C-alpha atoms as a PDB file:
ATOM      1  CA  UNK A   1       0.000   0.000   0.000  1.00  0.00           C
ATOM      2  CA  UNK A   2       2.846   2.418   0.866  1.00  0.00           C
ATOM      3  CA  UNK A   3       4.622   1.593  -2.409  1.00  0.00           C
ATOM      4  CA  UNK A   4       1.529   2.501  -4.420  1.00  0.00           C
ATOM      5  CA  UNK A   5       1.281   5.817  -2.593  1.00  0.00           C
ATOM      6  CA  UNK A   6       4.970   6.563  -3.222  1.00  0.00           C
ATOM      7  CA  UNK A   7       4.601   5.684  -6.886  1.00  0.00           C
ATOM      8  CA  UNK A   8       1.578   7.995  -7.176  1.00  0.00           C
ATOM      9  CA  UNK A   9       3.386  10.902  -5.525  1.00  0.00           C
ATOM     10  CA  UNK A  10       6.516  10.441  -7.650  1.00  0.00           C
ATOM     11  CA  UNK A  11       4.438  10.243 -10.843  1.00  0.00           C
ATOM     12  CA  UNK A  12       2.537  13.408  -9.887  1.00  0.00           C
ATOM     13  CA  UNK A  13       5.809  15.263  -9.220  1.00  0.00           C
ATOM     14  CA  UNK A  14       7.257  14.148 -12.563  1.00  0.00           C
ATOM     15  CA  UNK A  15       4.138  15.271 -14.445  1.00  0.00           C
ATOM     16  CA  UNK A  16       4.125  18.592 -12.574  1.00  0.00           C
ATOM     17  CA  UNK A  17       7.778  19.240 -13.444  1.00  0.00           C
ATOM     18  CA  UNK A  18       7.162  18.339 -17.083  1.00  0.00           C
ATOM     19  CA  UNK A  19       4.218  20.751 -17.279  1.00  0.00           C
ATOM     20  CA  UNK A  20       6.199  23.547 -15.620  1.00  0.00           C
ATOM     21  CA  UNK A  21       9.015  22.976 -18.118  1.00  0.00           C
ATOM     22  CA  UNK A  22       6.575  23.174 -21.036  1.00  0.00           C
ATOM     23  CA  UNK A  23       5.092  26.369 -19.584  1.00  0.00           C
ATOM     24  CA  UNK A  24       8.525  28.034 -19.373  1.00  0.00           C
ATOM     25  CA  UNK A  25       9.341  27.008 -22.953  1.00  0.00           C
ATOM     26  CA  UNK A  26       6.050  28.520 -24.148  1.00  0.00           C
ATOM     27  CA  UNK A  27       6.752  31.776 -22.284  1.00  0.00           C
ATOM     28  CA  UNK A  28      10.250  31.961 -23.760  1.00  0.00           C
ATOM     29  CA  UNK A  29       8.844  31.412 -27.251  1.00  0.00           C
ATOM     30  CA  UNK A  30       6.243  34.132 -26.631  1.00  0.00           C
ATOM     31  CA  UNK A  31       8.941  36.599 -25.570  1.00  0.00           C
ATOM     32  CA  UNK A  32      11.077  35.851 -28.629  1.00  0.00           C
ATOM     33  CA  UNK A  33       8.121  36.157 -31.012  1.00  0.00           C
ATOM     34  CA  UNK A  34       6.867  39.381 -29.429  1.00  0.00           C
ATOM     35  CA  UNK A  35      10.269  41.007 -29.960  1.00  0.00           C
ATOM     36  CA  UNK A  36      10.092  40.149 -33.668  1.00  0.00           C
ATOM     37  CA  UNK A  37       6.511  41.417 -33.990  1.00  0.00           C
ATOM     38  CA  UNK A  38       7.330  44.720 -32.233  1.00  0.00           C
ATOM     39  CA  UNK A  39      10.218  45.292 -34.625  1.00  0.00           C
ATOM     40  CA  UNK A  40       7.998  44.607 -37.632  1.00  0.00           C
ATOM     41  CA  UNK A  41       5.232  46.894 -36.332  1.00  0.00           C
ATOM     42  CA  UNK A  42       7.748  49.696 -35.747  1.00  0.00           C
ATOM     43  CA  UNK A  43       8.998  49.386 -39.339  1.00  0.00           C
ATOM     44  CA  UNK A  44       5.442  49.516 -40.709  1.00  0.00           C
ATOM     45  CA  UNK A  45       4.577  52.559 -38.574  1.00  0.00           C
ATOM     46  CA  UNK A  46       7.659  54.490 -39.697  1.00  0.00           C
ATOM     47  CA  UNK A  47       6.956  53.553 -43.303  1.00  0.00           C
ATOM     48  CA  UNK A  48       3.327  54.647 -42.954  1.00  0.00           C
ATOM     49  CA  UNK A  49       4.229  57.892 -41.223  1.00  0.00           C
ATOM     50  CA  UNK A  50       6.897  58.847 -43.756  1.00  0.00           C
ATOM     51  CA  UNK A  51       4.624  58.395 -46.780  1.00  0.00           C
ATOM     52  CA  UNK A  52       1.295  59.713 -45.588  1.00  0.00           C
ATOM     53  CA  UNK A  53       0.389  61.990 -48.516  1.00  0.00           C
ATOM     54  CA  UNK A  54      -2.139  60.950 -51.109  1.00  0.00           C
ATOM     55  CA  UNK A  55      -1.634  61.640 -54.803  1.00  0.00           C
ATOM     56  CA  UNK A  56      -4.934  63.540 -54.940  1.00  0.00           C
ATOM     57  CA  UNK A  57      -3.397  66.211 -52.735  1.00  0.00           C
ATOM     58  CA  UNK A  58      -5.127  65.228 -49.515  1.00  0.00           C
ATOM     59  CA  UNK A  59      -3.077  64.435 -46.443  1.00  0.00           C
ATOM     60  CA  UNK A  60      -3.915  61.051 -44.986  1.00  0.00           C
ATOM     61  CA  UNK A  61      -3.365  60.671 -41.238  1.00  0.00           C
ATOM     62  CA  UNK A  62      -2.903  56.970 -40.519  1.00  0.00           C
ATOM     63  CA  UNK A  63      -3.335  57.587 -36.808  1.00  0.00           C
ATOM     64  CA  UNK A  64      -6.854  58.960 -37.238  1.00  0.00           C
ATOM     65  CA  UNK A  65      -8.100  57.430 -40.497  1.00  0.00           C
ATOM     66  CA  UNK A  66      -8.622  53.759 -39.682  1.00  0.00           C
ATOM     67  CA  UNK A  67      -9.753  52.875 -43.218  1.00  0.00           C
ATOM     68  CA  UNK A  68      -6.602  54.356 -44.742  1.00  0.00           C
ATOM     69  CA  UNK A  69      -4.471  52.321 -42.337  1.00  0.00           C
ATOM     70  CA  UNK A  70      -6.388  49.136 -43.177  1.00  0.00           C
ATOM     71  CA  UNK A  71      -6.045  49.841 -46.892  1.00  0.00           C
ATOM     72  CA  UNK A  72      -2.304  50.448 -46.557  1.00  0.00           C
ATOM     73  CA  UNK A  73      -1.702  47.315 -44.501  1.00  0.00           C
ATOM     74  CA  UNK A  74      -3.816  45.222 -46.875  1.00  0.00           C
ATOM     75  CA  UNK A  75      -1.848  46.536 -49.845  1.00  0.00           C
ATOM     76  CA  UNK A  76       1.455  45.833 -48.091  1.00  0.00           C
ATOM     77  CA  UNK A  77       0.443  42.302 -47.165  1.00  0.00           C
ATOM     78  CA  UNK A  78      -0.765  41.611 -50.703  1.00  0.00           C
ATOM     79  CA  UNK A  79       2.437  43.015 -52.221  1.00  0.00           C
ATOM     80  CA  UNK A  80       4.715  41.062 -49.903  1.00  0.00           C
ATOM     81  CA  UNK A  81       2.822  37.788 -50.184  1.00  0.00           C
ATOM     82  CA  UNK A  82       5.344  36.142 -52.497  1.00  0.00           C
ATOM     83  CA  UNK A  83       8.378  38.206 -51.438  1.00  0.00           C
ATOM     84  CA  UNK A  84       8.704  38.156 -47.653  1.00  0.00           C
ATOM     85  CA  UNK A  85      12.381  39.143 -47.733  1.00  0.00           C
ATOM     86  CA  UNK A  86      11.797  42.517 -49.454  1.00  0.00           C
ATOM     87  CA  UNK A  87      11.046  45.921 -47.912  1.00  0.00           C
ATOM     88  CA  UNK A  88       8.010  47.772 -49.266  1.00  0.00           C
ATOM     89  CA  UNK A  89       7.144  51.479 -48.949  1.00  0.00           C
ATOM     90  CA  UNK A  90       3.794  53.136 -49.667  1.00  0.00           C
ATOM     91  CA  UNK A  91       4.283  55.918 -52.218  1.00  0.00           C
ATOM     92  CA  UNK A  92       0.709  57.114 -52.561  1.00  0.00           C
ATOM     93  CA  UNK A  93      -2.869  56.367 -51.616  1.00  0.00           C
ATOM     94  CA  UNK A  94      -5.635  57.276 -54.016  1.00  0.00           C
ATOM     95  CA  UNK A  95      -9.112  57.677 -52.576  1.00  0.00           C
ATOM     96  CA  UNK A  96     -11.857  56.911 -55.072  1.00  0.00           C
END
């Protein structure tokens, strides 16, 4: 009876340690991925801020105009679909 109890406790400790190890690996992966995503978002924001004039002559503020930001990000994602290693810049946005 004592041996069964010891086996149960040891098995529970092993499972607990394995789950804690998996949790730390997931947190480490999250930290590494979030650094990459922050860098990418910063590049997109500087690109968007530097080329925020439309060819019609209207100034587009990406901070306030949500539709313009969505249009720009959609265009960037579509353009970089096949070429993920290239850097794209928005030259103009034409409102129709």
